[in-house]
Amino acid sequence: MIKNERKGFTLIEILIVVAIIAILASVVLVGLGPTQQAGRDARRLSDLHEVQNGLELYYNKNGAYPIPNPATWATFQTTLTGAGIGVNSVPNDPSSGKNYIYAWNTGATTYELGANMESANGSEWTNYAPPTNFTAAGITDGATLTCTQTAQQFCVSL
């Protein structure tokens, strides 16, 4: 008596399962895109408030806000972390290749911080009012501050 026992799966069965898993994975990844954008935008807001706290510590110690020289975000980070105010790090934008924007007025008595958001439709824009009456004497990385929802640039200031 000959027994023909088949164990395992055929190549076709394995390919069908792999194809189904690939289709499900692509659907999930496409659905996560807006959620990831919202997460990065929320982190940007949190980072701006963290930098504001560091700027206030700097102001309390020095009587003015920092004027980085040269006017770059990297120099600004070095200025805050090296000021001996307990700031160990200054955050970077979660998207690679982007920086936050720091601008100061003449005399460094006020400042404005900006972040380029990925979405103009998130909840961070609810009740958003852009800072007014600010004239920058200096700005990091030669950026511009429009601070409008249309431009997707969220700003905070003192």
Protein backbone atom coordinates (compact mmCIF):
# COMPACT_ATOMS: atom_id res chain seq x y z
CA MET A 1 0.00 0.00 0.00
CA ILE A 2 1.45 3.33 -1.11
CA LYS A 3 0.56 6.46 0.84
CA ASN A 4 0.90 9.79 -0.89
CA GLU A 5 1.02 12.33 1.92
CA ARG A 6 1.44 15.94 0.90
CA LYS A 7 2.95 18.22 3.47
CA GLY A 8 3.45 21.96 3.08
CA PHE A 9 2.12 24.53 0.65
CA THR A 10 2.44 24.80 -3.09
CA LEU A 11 4.26 27.70 -4.71
CA ILE A 12 0.99 29.15 -5.99
CA GLU A 13 -0.54 29.16 -2.49
CA ILE A 14 2.49 30.94 -1.05
CA LEU A 15 2.47 33.56 -3.83
CA ILE A 16 -1.22 34.27 -3.29
CA VAL A 17 -0.69 34.80 0.45
CA VAL A 18 2.30 37.09 -0.17
CA ALA A 19 0.28 39.12 -2.68
CA ILE A 20 -2.60 39.53 -0.22
CA ILE A 21 -0.22 40.64 2.55
CA ALA A 22 1.42 43.16 0.18
CA ILE A 23 -1.94 44.64 -0.79
CA LEU A 24 -3.01 44.98 2.85
CA ALA A 25 0.33 46.55 3.81
CA SER A 26 0.09 49.14 1.04
CA VAL A 27 -3.46 50.08 2.10
CA VAL A 28 -2.31 50.56 5.70
CA LEU A 29 0.73 52.64 4.71
CA VAL A 30 -1.33 54.92 2.47
CA GLY A 31 -3.82 55.43 5.30
CA LEU A 32 -1.06 56.40 7.74
CA GLY A 33 0.28 59.31 5.64
CA PRO A 34 -2.04 62.03 7.03
CA THR A 35 -1.62 60.69 10.55
CA GLN A 36 2.15 60.91 10.26
CA GLN A 37 1.88 64.49 8.95
CA ALA A 38 -0.31 65.45 11.89
CA GLY A 39 2.18 63.86 14.27
CA ARG A 40 5.10 65.81 12.81
CA ASP A 41 3.07 69.05 12.94
CA ALA A 42 2.21 68.40 16.60
CA ARG A 43 5.90 67.84 17.32
CA ARG A 44 6.74 71.14 15.61
CA LEU A 45 4.35 73.01 17.92
CA SER A 46 5.81 71.26 20.95
CA ASP A 47 9.34 72.09 19.78
CA LEU A 48 8.48 75.78 19.32
CA HIS A 49 7.18 75.98 22.89
CA GLU A 50 10.28 74.19 24.15
CA VAL A 51 12.50 76.71 22.35
CA GLN A 52 10.39 79.54 23.81
CA ASN A 53 11.16 78.24 27.30
CA GLY A 54 14.87 78.23 26.48
CA LEU A 55 14.66 81.76 25.10
CA GLU A 56 13.00 82.99 28.28
CA LEU A 57 15.75 81.41 30.38
CA TYR A 58 18.34 83.09 28.15
CA TYR A 59 16.57 86.45 28.45
CA ASN A 60 16.39 86.19 32.26
CA LYS A 61 20.15 85.62 32.42
CA ASN A 62 21.31 88.08 29.74
CA GLY A 63 18.64 90.79 29.53
CA ALA A 64 18.18 90.24 25.77
CA TYR A 65 17.40 87.43 23.38
CA PRO A 66 20.30 85.82 21.52
CA ILE A 67 21.65 87.18 18.26
CA PRO A 68 23.39 84.22 16.59
CA ASN A 69 26.41 85.07 14.47
CA PRO A 70 26.30 83.88 11.73
CA ALA A 71 22.52 83.88 11.62
CA THR A 72 21.87 80.16 11.23
CA TRP A 73 19.71 77.71 13.17
CA ALA A 74 22.84 75.71 14.04
CA THR A 75 24.52 78.78 15.54
CA PHE A 76 21.32 79.59 17.42
CA GLN A 77 21.34 76.06 18.88
CA THR A 78 24.96 76.44 19.94
CA THR A 79 24.22 79.83 21.51
CA LEU A 80 21.37 78.48 23.64
CA THR A 81 23.10 75.27 24.71
CA GLY A 82 26.35 77.07 25.53
CA ALA A 83 24.74 79.85 27.57
CA GLY A 84 24.85 77.95 30.86
CA ILE A 85 21.10 78.17 31.41
CA GLY A 86 20.36 74.45 31.65
CA VAL A 87 19.40 73.95 28.03
CA ASN A 88 21.13 70.78 26.83
CA SER A 89 19.66 70.59 23.34
CA VAL A 90 17.54 72.60 20.95
CA PRO A 91 15.20 70.56 18.72
CA ASN A 92 15.37 70.34 14.95
CA ASP A 93 12.43 70.06 12.58
CA PRO A 94 11.33 66.40 12.30
CA SER A 95 11.65 66.53 8.50
CA SER A 96 15.20 66.20 7.31
CA GLY A 97 16.68 69.19 5.57
CA LYS A 98 14.38 71.71 7.26
CA ASN A 99 15.00 74.08 10.14
CA TYR A 100 12.83 76.17 12.38
CA ILE A 101 13.06 79.93 11.94
CA TYR A 102 14.22 82.36 14.62
CA ALA A 103 13.98 86.12 14.09
CA TRP A 104 14.81 88.96 16.47
CA ASN A 105 14.20 92.68 16.45
CA THR A 106 16.69 95.51 16.94
CA GLY A 107 18.02 95.33 20.47
CA ALA A 108 16.89 91.69 20.71
CA THR A 109 14.00 92.61 22.99
CA THR A 110 11.41 90.53 21.11
CA TYR A 111 11.57 87.49 18.87
CA GLU A 112 9.49 85.34 16.58
CA LEU A 113 9.78 81.59 16.01
CA GLY A 114 8.35 79.88 12.96
CA ALA A 115 7.80 76.35 11.69
CA ASN A 116 6.80 75.24 8.23
CA MET A 117 3.85 72.91 8.73
CA GLU A 118 2.90 70.07 6.40
CA SER A 119 -0.85 70.64 6.62
CA ALA A 120 -2.98 73.76 6.58
CA ASN A 121 -5.99 71.84 7.88
CA GLY A 122 -4.87 70.54 11.28
CA SER A 123 -6.30 71.45 14.66
CA GLU A 124 -3.31 73.67 15.43
CA TRP A 125 -4.85 76.30 13.16
CA THR A 126 -8.02 76.53 15.27
CA ASN A 127 -7.96 79.95 16.94
CA TYR A 128 -4.54 80.69 15.39
CA ALA A 129 -3.71 84.36 15.20
CA PRO A 130 -0.35 85.21 13.64
CA PRO A 131 1.94 87.54 15.59
CA THR A 132 1.63 91.17 14.58
CA ASN A 133 3.75 94.31 14.68
CA PHE A 134 7.07 92.51 14.44
CA THR A 135 9.92 93.85 12.34
CA ALA A 136 12.85 91.50 12.15
CA ALA A 137 16.35 92.92 12.38
CA GLY A 138 17.80 89.44 11.85
CA ILE A 139 16.56 86.02 10.85
CA THR A 140 18.17 82.57 10.71
CA ASP A 141 19.15 80.93 7.44
CA GLY A 142 17.87 83.83 5.33
CA ALA A 143 14.31 82.56 5.73
CA THR A 144 11.13 84.60 5.53
CA LEU A 145 8.35 84.72 8.09
CA THR A 146 4.86 84.97 6.64
CA CYS A 147 3.15 83.32 9.63
CA THR A 148 -0.07 82.55 7.79
CA GLN A 149 -2.21 79.46 7.57
CA THR A 150 -2.27 79.83 3.78
CA ALA A 151 1.53 79.63 3.68
CA GLN A 152 1.38 76.76 6.24
CA GLN A 153 3.82 78.64 8.47
CA PHE A 154 2.96 78.62 12.16
CA CYS A 155 4.67 81.31 14.29
CA VAL A 156 4.90 82.17 17.96
CA SER A 157 6.41 85.31 19.42
CA LEU A 158 6.99 87.32 22.51
